[in-house]
Amino acid sequence: MDKAFFSDTPHIQYGETDMEPLVRNACRFGCDIQIVCTRGTAEISTGIQSYGMRRGTELFLFGGTLVQVSDPSPDFTVRMLLYPKDVVIKAILPIDSDFLNYLHEYPFLDHIGGGAPEDEWENVLQWMDMARLLFTRPVQYFRKQIEQNFLQSMLMCLYNHIPRKKVTASRENSRRQVLCHQFMRLIRENSAREHQVPFYADKLCISPRYLGDIVVENFGGMTPKQLIDKQLIAEIKVQLDNPLFSVSEIAQYLNFPEHTSMSRFFKRNTGMSPKEYRASRR
């Protein structure tokens, strides 16, 4: 599958792939994506979070997410749907805003394990079959209506597979848990330009100290700064994989005061300088 497949898209796209282009190099999706694993296993990372994919699992990721694949088995295969940015949000809101919150907070779904009904996985595959039928050939008329009807119908079916108590859990979560989920989303969206904790605390309307307390409590002792830095390292690696940009240009793009600052930061966290990392990828 060509990497162009992973960029933003004006229409719904369907594909079947081993995601091999993302094994060595991470890519930032400009669109919303739905990944259904049909064979094998792999880890899909968004920088600060990782998801163990295996047959029967599904992952929803929203536009702007950084994605990389690691440790794929030889038979790893997924079926993917790419949606124009914000189309999924617009389709979900008329159904239930709690459902949107749920997918943001719990994007990983297991349709075989965890006591899932026997027909749940079969239903997911049937929707993928329908997507292949609709979105792998030219559509001359009513494309927008077809896409909207398909997406909303599929999401309503998925909604019925998730126990209501789980969907409403996002509303019933403690304020501290909700803030942690919001913090993680802010990191994914802003870490390329914003590297300091006060920015995120201000966005959440809480103090940096309170943010530190809840993050340490919910992320195994990791601090907000450690999470921001972890995502920032992933961002730097993505840029270093592009040979068109110099280290100085990358540092400027990522809002470092000078390229030496970025180089010291990168080496402190990876053990390699940016130039050494770039050379190791050739």
Protein backbone atom coordinates (compact mmCIF):
# COMPACT_ATOMS: atom_id res chain seq x y z
CA MET A 1 0.00 0.00 0.00
CA ASP A 2 1.33 3.40 -1.00
CA LYS A 3 1.91 5.98 1.75
CA ALA A 4 -0.36 8.35 -0.18
CA PHE A 5 -3.17 6.15 1.06
CA PHE A 6 -2.49 7.44 4.57
CA SER A 7 -2.84 11.15 3.80
CA ASP A 8 -6.07 13.10 4.09
CA THR A 9 -8.80 12.01 1.71
CA PRO A 10 -11.80 13.77 0.14
CA HIS A 11 -13.80 10.52 0.11
CA ILE A 12 -14.06 7.29 2.10
CA GLN A 13 -11.33 4.86 1.05
CA TYR A 14 -11.17 1.10 1.65
CA GLY A 15 -8.02 -1.02 1.63
CA GLU A 16 -6.51 -4.31 2.77
CA THR A 17 -2.86 -4.14 3.83
CA ASP A 18 -0.05 -5.43 6.02
CA MET A 19 0.75 -1.76 6.89
CA GLU A 20 4.37 -2.45 5.92
CA PRO A 21 5.08 1.23 5.03
CA LEU A 22 4.51 2.10 8.69
CA VAL A 23 6.86 -0.52 10.14
CA ARG A 24 10.04 1.52 9.65
CA ASN A 25 8.56 4.99 9.41
CA ALA A 26 5.75 6.55 11.41
CA CYS A 27 3.17 8.59 9.51
CA ARG A 28 0.74 11.29 10.58
CA PHE A 29 -2.74 10.57 9.29
CA GLY A 30 -4.61 13.61 8.04
CA CYS A 31 -7.88 11.67 8.15
CA ASP A 32 -9.89 9.54 10.56
CA ILE A 33 -9.04 5.83 10.30
CA GLN A 34 -10.67 2.54 11.23
CA ILE A 35 -8.40 -0.50 11.40
CA VAL A 36 -9.78 -4.04 11.64
CA CYS A 37 -7.23 -6.83 12.15
CA THR A 38 -8.17 -10.05 10.32
CA ARG A 39 -4.92 -12.04 10.67
CA GLY A 40 -1.73 -12.06 12.68
CA THR A 41 -0.51 -9.70 15.36
CA ALA A 42 1.29 -6.35 15.63
CA GLU A 43 1.70 -3.33 17.90
CA ILE A 44 0.28 -0.04 16.65
CA SER A 45 1.73 2.99 18.43
CA THR A 46 0.54 6.60 18.44
CA GLY A 47 3.69 7.79 20.22
CA ILE A 48 2.56 7.68 23.82
CA GLN A 49 0.05 4.83 23.53
CA SER A 50 0.32 1.34 22.04
CA TYR A 51 -2.36 -1.16 21.06
CA GLY A 52 -1.85 -4.90 20.63
CA MET A 53 -3.65 -5.83 17.42
CA ARG A 54 -4.73 -9.39 16.75
CA ARG A 55 -7.55 -11.07 14.84
CA GLY A 56 -10.89 -9.70 16.04
CA THR A 57 -9.63 -6.33 17.25
CA GLU A 58 -10.50 -2.90 15.88
CA LEU A 59 -8.95 0.53 16.34
CA PHE A 60 -10.42 3.99 15.67
CA LEU A 61 -7.98 6.88 15.35
CA PHE A 62 -8.91 10.48 14.64
CA GLY A 63 -7.26 12.88 12.20
CA GLY A 64 -3.82 14.17 13.13
CA THR A 65 -2.74 10.96 14.87
CA LEU A 66 0.83 9.73 14.52
CA VAL A 67 0.87 6.01 13.69
CA GLN A 68 3.66 3.43 13.60
CA VAL A 69 3.58 -0.37 13.40
CA SER A 70 6.05 -2.62 15.23
CA ASP A 71 6.64 -6.36 15.64
CA PRO A 72 4.19 -7.49 12.94
CA SER A 73 3.83 -11.23 12.47
CA PRO A 74 4.45 -12.48 8.90
CA ASP A 75 0.71 -12.89 8.33
CA PHE A 76 -0.37 -9.56 9.86
CA THR A 77 -3.26 -8.19 7.78
CA VAL A 78 -5.81 -5.46 8.37
CA ARG A 79 -8.82 -4.05 6.59
CA MET A 80 -8.89 -0.27 6.75
CA LEU A 81 -11.33 2.54 6.16
CA LEU A 82 -10.13 6.12 5.81
CA TYR A 83 -12.61 8.94 6.33
CA PRO A 84 -12.32 12.65 5.50
CA LYS A 85 -11.39 14.49 8.69
CA ASP A 86 -14.32 15.17 11.06
CA VAL A 87 -16.77 13.07 9.01
CA VAL A 88 -16.90 10.44 11.77
CA ILE A 89 -17.59 13.10 14.40
CA LYS A 90 -20.44 14.54 12.34
CA ALA A 91 -21.92 11.06 11.87
CA ILE A 92 -21.71 10.12 15.56
CA LEU A 93 -23.10 13.27 17.15
CA PRO A 94 -26.72 12.69 15.98
CA ILE A 95 -26.51 9.17 17.44
CA ASP A 96 -25.13 9.94 20.91
CA SER A 97 -22.43 12.38 22.02
CA ASP A 98 -21.42 9.90 24.76
CA PHE A 99 -20.48 7.46 22.00
CA LEU A 100 -18.06 10.01 20.54
CA ASN A 101 -16.46 10.49 23.95
CA TYR A 102 -16.20 6.72 24.31
CA LEU A 103 -14.35 6.27 21.00
CA HIS A 104 -11.97 9.10 21.87
CA GLU A 105 -11.20 7.58 25.26
CA TYR A 106 -11.38 3.88 24.35
CA PRO A 107 -10.53 3.59 20.63
CA PHE A 108 -9.50 -0.08 20.89
CA LEU A 109 -12.28 -2.66 20.58
CA ASP A 110 -12.09 -6.45 20.97
CA HIS A 111 -14.88 -8.24 19.09
CA ILE A 112 -13.84 -11.80 20.01
CA GLY A 113 -12.40 -11.73 23.53
CA GLY A 114 -13.88 -10.27 26.68
CA GLY A 115 -17.23 -12.04 26.45
CA ALA A 116 -18.24 -10.48 23.10
CA PRO A 117 -21.38 -12.02 21.49
CA GLU A 118 -20.63 -14.75 18.95
CA ASP A 119 -22.05 -12.79 16.01
CA GLU A 120 -20.26 -9.50 16.80
CA TRP A 121 -17.08 -10.25 14.85
CA GLU A 122 -19.08 -11.60 11.92
CA ASN A 123 -21.05 -8.36 11.80
CA VAL A 124 -17.83 -6.30 11.69
CA LEU A 125 -16.58 -8.38 8.74
CA GLN A 126 -19.89 -7.94 6.94
CA TRP A 127 -19.55 -4.16 7.23
CA MET A 128 -16.03 -4.41 5.83
CA ASP A 129 -17.38 -6.47 2.93
CA MET A 130 -19.95 -3.78 2.28
CA ALA A 131 -17.24 -1.10 2.39
CA ARG A 132 -15.18 -3.03 -0.18
CA LEU A 133 -18.22 -3.25 -2.44
CA LEU A 134 -19.03 0.46 -2.15
CA PHE A 135 -15.62 2.15 -2.04
CA THR A 136 -13.31 0.24 -4.37
CA ARG A 137 -15.04 1.25 -7.58
CA PRO A 138 -16.05 4.61 -9.07
CA VAL A 139 -19.34 6.04 -7.83
CA GLN A 140 -20.99 8.33 -10.36
CA TYR A 141 -24.06 9.45 -8.45
CA PHE A 142 -25.00 10.12 -4.81
CA ARG A 143 -21.49 9.41 -3.49
CA LYS A 144 -21.83 11.75 -0.51
CA GLN A 145 -25.20 10.29 0.47
CA ILE A 146 -23.90 6.73 0.08
CA GLU A 147 -20.89 7.48 2.29
CA GLN A 148 -22.98 9.21 4.95
CA ASN A 149 -25.60 6.45 5.04
CA PHE A 150 -22.96 3.70 5.21
CA LEU A 151 -20.97 5.36 7.98
CA GLN A 152 -23.93 6.24 10.16
CA SER A 153 -25.49 2.78 9.76
CA MET A 154 -22.22 1.05 10.60
CA LEU A 155 -21.67 3.25 13.65
CA MET A 156 -25.20 2.60 14.90
CA CYS A 157 -24.56 -1.14 14.56
CA LEU A 158 -21.28 -0.79 16.46
CA TYR A 159 -23.03 1.31 19.10
CA ASN A 160 -25.44 -1.57 19.73
CA HIS A 161 -22.55 -3.98 20.30
CA ILE A 162 -21.06 -1.87 23.09
CA PRO A 163 -22.87 -2.28 26.43
CA ARG A 164 -24.68 0.92 27.33
CA LYS A 165 -22.95 1.04 30.69
CA LYS A 166 -19.59 1.28 28.90
CA VAL A 167 -20.72 4.07 26.58
CA THR A 168 -22.01 6.16 29.45
CA ALA A 169 -18.87 5.41 31.50
CA SER A 170 -17.10 8.29 29.76
CA ARG A 171 -19.68 10.63 31.30
CA GLU A 172 -19.57 8.93 34.67
CA ASN A 173 -15.76 8.77 34.94
CA SER A 174 -14.21 10.79 37.69
CA ARG A 175 -13.07 14.28 36.75
CA ARG A 176 -9.46 13.15 37.20
CA GLN A 177 -9.84 10.34 34.63
CA VAL A 178 -11.56 12.64 32.14
CA LEU A 179 -8.77 15.19 32.50
CA CYS A 180 -6.17 12.48 31.83
CA HIS A 181 -7.90 11.45 28.61
CA GLN A 182 -8.13 15.08 27.55
CA PHE A 183 -4.45 15.59 28.36
CA MET A 184 -3.44 12.64 26.18
CA ARG A 185 -5.47 14.03 23.28
CA LEU A 186 -3.89 17.47 23.71
CA ILE A 187 -0.41 15.90 23.63
CA ARG A 188 -1.17 14.10 20.36
CA GLU A 189 -2.45 17.32 18.82
CA ASN A 190 0.11 19.82 20.16
CA SER A 191 3.37 18.21 21.24
CA ALA A 192 5.11 19.07 17.96
CA ARG A 193 4.92 22.75 18.89
CA GLU A 194 4.19 22.91 22.62
CA HIS A 195 6.74 21.19 24.87
CA GLN A 196 5.99 22.54 28.33
CA VAL A 197 3.49 21.42 30.97
CA PRO A 198 1.92 24.86 31.70
CA PHE A 199 0.50 25.04 28.16
CA TYR A 200 -1.49 21.83 28.71
CA ALA A 201 -2.55 22.73 32.23
CA ASP A 202 -3.85 26.06 30.93
CA LYS A 203 -5.81 24.30 28.18
CA LEU A 204 -7.39 22.05 30.82
CA CYS A 205 -8.03 25.01 33.17
CA ILE A 206 -6.10 23.39 36.01
CA SER A 207 -2.75 24.09 37.68
CA PRO A 208 0.45 22.35 36.49
CA ARG A 209 0.78 20.83 39.95
CA TYR A 210 -2.70 19.31 39.86
CA LEU A 211 -2.04 17.98 36.34
CA GLY A 212 1.13 16.36 37.65
CA ASP A 213 -0.74 14.71 40.51
CA ILE A 214 -3.43 13.12 38.33
CA VAL A 215 -1.02 12.02 35.59
CA VAL A 216 1.37 10.34 38.03
CA GLU A 217 -1.64 8.61 39.61
CA ASN A 218 -3.08 7.32 36.31
CA PHE A 219 0.04 6.60 34.21
CA GLY A 220 2.18 4.39 36.38
CA GLY A 221 4.23 7.18 37.91
CA MET A 222 5.09 8.96 34.66
CA THR A 223 5.00 12.74 34.85
CA PRO A 224 3.29 15.06 32.35
CA LYS A 225 6.68 16.20 31.06
CA GLN A 226 7.80 12.61 30.47
CA LEU A 227 4.67 11.93 28.39
CA ILE A 228 5.10 15.14 26.39
CA ASP A 229 8.76 14.31 25.74
CA LYS A 230 7.89 10.75 24.66
CA GLN A 231 5.48 12.05 22.05
CA LEU A 232 7.93 14.76 20.98
CA ILE A 233 10.65 12.15 20.37
CA ALA A 234 8.21 10.31 18.09
CA GLU A 235 7.54 13.60 16.26
CA ILE A 236 11.27 14.24 15.76
CA LYS A 237 11.78 10.72 14.39
CA VAL A 238 9.02 11.26 11.84
CA GLN A 239 10.69 14.44 10.63
CA LEU A 240 14.17 12.86 10.54
CA ASP A 241 12.82 10.12 8.29
CA ASN A 242 12.14 12.80 5.67
CA PRO A 243 15.48 13.49 3.91
CA LEU A 244 14.17 16.76 2.44
CA PHE A 245 14.56 18.59 5.76
CA SER A 246 17.80 19.47 7.53
CA VAL A 247 18.20 19.08 11.29
CA SER A 248 18.05 22.87 11.61
CA GLU A 249 14.79 23.06 9.65
CA ILE A 250 13.27 20.30 11.78
CA ALA A 251 14.29 22.08 14.98
CA GLN A 252 12.68 25.27 13.75
CA TYR A 253 9.49 23.46 12.71
CA LEU A 254 9.26 21.76 16.11
CA ASN A 255 9.69 25.06 17.94
CA PHE A 256 13.13 24.50 19.46
CA PRO A 257 15.10 27.72 20.02
CA GLU A 258 18.03 26.30 18.02
CA HIS A 259 19.04 23.00 16.43
CA THR A 260 21.60 22.27 19.16
CA SER A 261 18.79 22.30 21.75
CA MET A 262 16.88 19.68 19.79
CA SER A 263 20.03 17.61 19.25
CA ARG A 264 20.81 17.54 22.99
CA PHE A 265 17.19 16.69 23.83
CA PHE A 266 17.08 13.89 21.25
CA LYS A 267 20.41 12.35 22.30
CA ARG A 268 19.48 12.50 25.99
CA ASN A 269 16.33 10.49 25.27
CA THR A 270 17.53 8.09 22.56
CA GLY A 271 21.29 7.78 23.01
CA MET A 272 21.85 8.98 19.43
CA SER A 273 22.24 12.36 17.81
CA PRO A 274 19.70 13.28 15.10
CA LYS A 275 22.36 12.71 12.42
CA GLU A 276 23.25 9.32 13.87
CA TYR A 277 19.59 8.32 13.97
CA ARG A 278 19.07 9.45 10.38
CA ALA A 279 22.14 7.48 9.24
CA SER A 280 20.88 4.35 11.03
CA ARG A 281 17.65 4.47 8.99
CA ARG A 282 19.37 4.24 5.61
